[in-house]
């Protein structure tokens, strides 16, 4: 599989670019150089899901969590959802 042209790589590039724009606008000195997207399936609780922005008692599949970091730094959650 060639990850250079994959949709995951493209999404990572877009997220890093967006975070770089925010970094510049807020005068933050570090920038992200690595990105990963994790996919998960989960079932939301019957009660309290709405408070978290989820539909109650719903099966979510391929929900993605987009994380980025500077070289060797801590991972930061940049985006989540579909």
N, C-alpha and C. Protein backbone atom coordinates (compact mmCIF):
# COMPACT_ATOMS: atom_id res chain seq x y z
N UNK A 1 0.85 -1.18 0.00
CA UNK A 1 0.00 0.00 0.00
C UNK A 1 0.89 1.24 0.00
N UNK A 2 0.58 2.19 -0.85
CA UNK A 2 1.34 3.42 -0.93
C UNK A 2 0.65 4.51 -0.11
N UNK A 3 1.20 4.81 1.05
CA UNK A 3 0.59 5.79 1.93
C UNK A 3 0.79 7.22 1.46
N UNK A 4 1.70 7.45 0.54
CA UNK A 4 1.96 8.81 0.08
C UNK A 4 0.74 9.42 -0.58
N UNK A 5 -0.09 8.61 -1.21
CA UNK A 5 -1.26 9.12 -1.91
C UNK A 5 -2.57 8.69 -1.27
N UNK A 6 -2.52 8.17 -0.07
CA UNK A 6 -3.73 7.67 0.56
C UNK A 6 -4.57 8.81 1.11
N UNK A 7 -5.85 8.56 1.31
CA UNK A 7 -6.74 9.58 1.87
C UNK A 7 -6.35 9.91 3.31
N UNK A 8 -5.79 8.94 4.04
CA UNK A 8 -5.33 9.21 5.41
C UNK A 8 -4.19 10.22 5.38
N UNK A 9 -3.23 10.02 4.48
CA UNK A 9 -2.12 10.95 4.37
C UNK A 9 -2.61 12.33 3.96
N UNK A 10 -3.54 12.39 3.04
CA UNK A 10 -4.08 13.68 2.61
C UNK A 10 -4.77 14.37 3.77
N UNK A 11 -5.56 13.63 4.54
CA UNK A 11 -6.25 14.23 5.69
C UNK A 11 -5.24 14.72 6.72
N UNK A 12 -4.18 13.95 6.95
CA UNK A 12 -3.14 14.38 7.89
C UNK A 12 -2.49 15.68 7.41
N UNK A 13 -2.17 15.73 6.14
CA UNK A 13 -1.57 16.96 5.60
C UNK A 13 -2.49 18.15 5.79
N UNK A 14 -3.78 17.96 5.54
CA UNK A 14 -4.74 19.05 5.71
C UNK A 14 -4.84 19.50 7.17
N UNK A 15 -4.85 18.53 8.09
CA UNK A 15 -4.92 18.87 9.51
C UNK A 15 -3.67 19.60 9.97
N UNK A 16 -2.53 19.14 9.52
CA UNK A 16 -1.27 19.80 9.90
C UNK A 16 -1.25 21.21 9.33
N UNK A 17 -1.68 21.39 8.09
CA UNK A 17 -1.73 22.72 7.49
C UNK A 17 -2.66 23.64 8.28
N UNK A 18 -3.84 23.11 8.65
CA UNK A 18 -4.79 23.90 9.42
C UNK A 18 -4.20 24.28 10.78
N UNK A 19 -3.52 23.33 11.43
CA UNK A 19 -2.92 23.63 12.73
C UNK A 19 -1.77 24.63 12.57
N UNK A 20 -1.03 24.55 11.46
CA UNK A 20 0.03 25.52 11.21
C UNK A 20 -0.54 26.93 11.05
N UNK A 21 -1.68 27.03 10.37
CA UNK A 21 -2.31 28.35 10.21
C UNK A 21 -2.74 28.91 11.56
N UNK A 22 -3.32 28.05 12.42
CA UNK A 22 -3.69 28.50 13.77
C UNK A 22 -2.46 28.87 14.58
N UNK A 23 -1.40 28.08 14.42
CA UNK A 23 -0.16 28.36 15.14
C UNK A 23 0.36 29.73 14.78
N UNK A 24 0.41 30.04 13.51
CA UNK A 24 0.92 31.34 13.04
C UNK A 24 0.04 32.47 13.54
N UNK A 25 -1.28 32.28 13.50
CA UNK A 25 -2.21 33.32 13.93
C UNK A 25 -2.09 33.61 15.42
N UNK A 26 -1.72 32.60 16.19
CA UNK A 26 -1.62 32.76 17.65
C UNK A 26 -0.19 32.84 18.15
N UNK A 27 0.76 32.97 17.25
CA UNK A 27 2.18 33.11 17.59
C UNK A 27 2.69 31.95 18.45
N UNK A 28 2.30 30.74 18.11
CA UNK A 28 2.79 29.54 18.79
C UNK A 28 4.05 29.08 18.06
N UNK A 29 5.10 28.74 18.79
CA UNK A 29 6.40 28.52 18.18
C UNK A 29 6.65 27.09 17.67
N UNK A 30 5.89 26.11 18.11
CA UNK A 30 6.10 24.75 17.62
C UNK A 30 5.11 24.45 16.49
N UNK A 31 5.40 23.46 15.70
CA UNK A 31 4.47 23.02 14.68
C UNK A 31 4.53 21.51 14.55
N UNK A 32 3.43 20.95 14.08
CA UNK A 32 3.31 19.50 13.99
C UNK A 32 4.01 18.96 12.74
N UNK A 33 4.68 17.85 12.93
CA UNK A 33 5.39 17.20 11.82
C UNK A 33 4.91 15.77 11.60
N UNK A 34 4.14 15.22 12.55
CA UNK A 34 3.67 13.85 12.45
C UNK A 34 2.18 13.81 12.76
N UNK A 35 1.48 12.92 12.07
CA UNK A 35 0.04 12.82 12.24
C UNK A 35 -0.37 11.36 12.13
N UNK A 36 -1.41 10.99 12.86
CA UNK A 36 -1.99 9.66 12.69
C UNK A 36 -3.49 9.76 12.90
N UNK A 37 -4.20 8.85 12.28
CA UNK A 37 -5.65 8.78 12.44
C UNK A 37 -5.99 7.39 12.94
N UNK A 38 -6.68 7.34 14.06
CA UNK A 38 -7.13 6.08 14.64
C UNK A 38 -8.62 5.94 14.38
N UNK A 39 -9.04 4.74 14.06
CA UNK A 39 -10.45 4.46 13.80
C UNK A 39 -10.98 3.56 14.90
N UNK A 40 -12.20 3.86 15.34
CA UNK A 40 -12.79 3.03 16.39
C UNK A 40 -14.28 2.86 16.16
N UNK A 41 -14.79 1.77 16.71
CA UNK A 41 -16.22 1.50 16.74
C UNK A 41 -16.64 1.55 18.21
N UNK A 42 -17.78 2.17 18.48
CA UNK A 42 -18.26 2.19 19.86
C UNK A 42 -19.77 2.40 19.86
N UNK A 43 -20.36 2.08 20.98
CA UNK A 43 -21.80 2.25 21.18
C UNK A 43 -21.99 3.32 22.25
N UNK A 44 -22.77 4.35 21.92
CA UNK A 44 -22.99 5.43 22.88
C UNK A 44 -23.97 4.99 23.97
N UNK A 45 -23.84 5.59 25.14
CA UNK A 45 -24.74 5.21 26.24
C UNK A 45 -26.17 5.70 25.98
N UNK A 46 -27.10 5.06 26.64
CA UNK A 46 -28.51 5.45 26.51
C UNK A 46 -28.73 6.81 27.15
N UNK A 47 -28.14 7.01 28.31
CA UNK A 47 -28.31 8.28 29.03
C UNK A 47 -27.01 9.07 29.00
N UNK A 48 -27.14 10.38 28.81
CA UNK A 48 -25.99 11.26 28.87
C UNK A 48 -25.23 11.43 27.56
N UNK A 49 -25.58 10.64 26.54
CA UNK A 49 -24.87 10.74 25.26
C UNK A 49 -25.07 12.11 24.61
N UNK A 50 -26.27 12.62 24.71
CA UNK A 50 -26.57 13.93 24.13
C UNK A 50 -25.73 15.04 24.71
N UNK A 51 -25.41 14.93 26.00
CA UNK A 51 -24.56 15.92 26.65
C UNK A 51 -23.15 15.92 26.06
N UNK A 52 -22.76 14.80 25.47
CA UNK A 52 -21.43 14.67 24.88
C UNK A 52 -21.44 14.90 23.37
N UNK A 53 -22.62 15.17 22.82
CA UNK A 53 -22.72 15.41 21.38
C UNK A 53 -22.97 14.17 20.55
N UNK A 54 -23.33 13.08 21.19
CA UNK A 54 -23.62 11.84 20.49
C UNK A 54 -25.11 11.53 20.54
N UNK A 55 -25.56 10.73 19.59
CA UNK A 55 -26.92 10.23 19.63
C UNK A 55 -26.99 9.13 20.69
N UNK A 56 -28.03 9.13 21.52
CA UNK A 56 -28.14 8.08 22.54
C UNK A 56 -28.37 6.70 21.93
N UNK A 57 -27.75 5.72 22.55
CA UNK A 57 -27.95 4.31 22.19
C UNK A 57 -27.71 4.09 20.69
N UNK A 58 -26.57 4.56 20.20
CA UNK A 58 -26.25 4.51 18.77
C UNK A 58 -24.90 3.83 18.55
N UNK A 59 -24.84 3.03 17.51
CA UNK A 59 -23.59 2.33 17.17
C UNK A 59 -22.80 3.17 16.17
N UNK A 60 -21.63 3.64 16.60
CA UNK A 60 -20.73 4.42 15.74
C UNK A 60 -19.65 3.49 15.18
N UNK A 61 -19.46 3.55 13.88
CA UNK A 61 -18.44 2.72 13.22
C UNK A 61 -17.47 3.61 12.48
N UNK A 62 -16.20 3.24 12.53
CA UNK A 62 -15.13 3.97 11.85
C UNK A 62 -15.05 5.44 12.27
N UNK A 63 -15.35 5.71 13.52
CA UNK A 63 -15.18 7.06 14.08
C UNK A 63 -13.68 7.32 14.09
N UNK A 64 -13.25 8.49 13.62
CA UNK A 64 -11.80 8.70 13.61
C UNK A 64 -11.35 9.78 14.57
N UNK A 65 -10.16 9.54 15.07
CA UNK A 65 -9.48 10.41 16.02
C UNK A 65 -8.17 10.83 15.36
N UNK A 66 -8.01 12.11 15.12
CA UNK A 66 -6.84 12.62 14.40
C UNK A 66 -5.90 13.27 15.41
N UNK A 67 -4.69 12.70 15.48
CA UNK A 67 -3.69 13.18 16.42
C UNK A 67 -2.46 13.67 15.67
N UNK A 68 -1.77 14.62 16.26
CA UNK A 68 -0.54 15.13 15.65
C UNK A 68 0.45 15.47 16.76
N UNK A 69 1.73 15.53 16.38
CA UNK A 69 2.77 15.89 17.33
C UNK A 69 3.98 16.45 16.59
N UNK A 70 4.81 17.12 17.35
CA UNK A 70 6.11 17.51 16.82
C UNK A 70 6.99 16.27 16.89
N UNK A 71 8.13 16.26 16.24
CA UNK A 71 9.01 15.08 16.26
C UNK A 71 9.30 14.64 17.68
N UNK A 72 8.81 13.45 18.04
CA UNK A 72 9.06 12.88 19.35
C UNK A 72 8.30 13.52 20.49
N UNK A 73 7.42 14.47 20.20
CA UNK A 73 6.67 15.16 21.26
C UNK A 73 5.42 14.40 21.67
N UNK A 74 4.63 15.03 22.49
CA UNK A 74 3.37 14.43 22.95
C UNK A 74 2.32 14.56 21.85
N UNK A 75 1.43 13.57 21.80
CA UNK A 75 0.35 13.59 20.82
C UNK A 75 -0.75 14.53 21.29
N UNK A 76 -1.34 15.28 20.34
CA UNK A 76 -2.45 16.19 20.62
C UNK A 76 -3.62 15.81 19.72
N UNK A 77 -4.81 15.77 20.30
CA UNK A 77 -6.01 15.47 19.54
C UNK A 77 -6.42 16.72 18.76
N UNK A 78 -6.40 16.64 17.42
CA UNK A 78 -6.73 17.78 16.58
C UNK A 78 -8.16 17.76 16.10
N UNK A 79 -8.70 16.57 15.86
CA UNK A 79 -10.03 16.47 15.28
C UNK A 79 -10.59 15.08 15.55
N UNK A 80 -11.91 14.95 15.47
CA UNK A 80 -12.54 13.66 15.65
C UNK A 80 -13.86 13.66 14.90
N UNK A 81 -14.35 12.50 14.60
CA UNK A 81 -15.63 12.37 13.90
C UNK A 81 -15.49 11.57 12.63
N UNK A 82 -16.38 11.81 11.69
CA UNK A 82 -16.36 11.10 10.42
C UNK A 82 -15.61 11.87 9.38
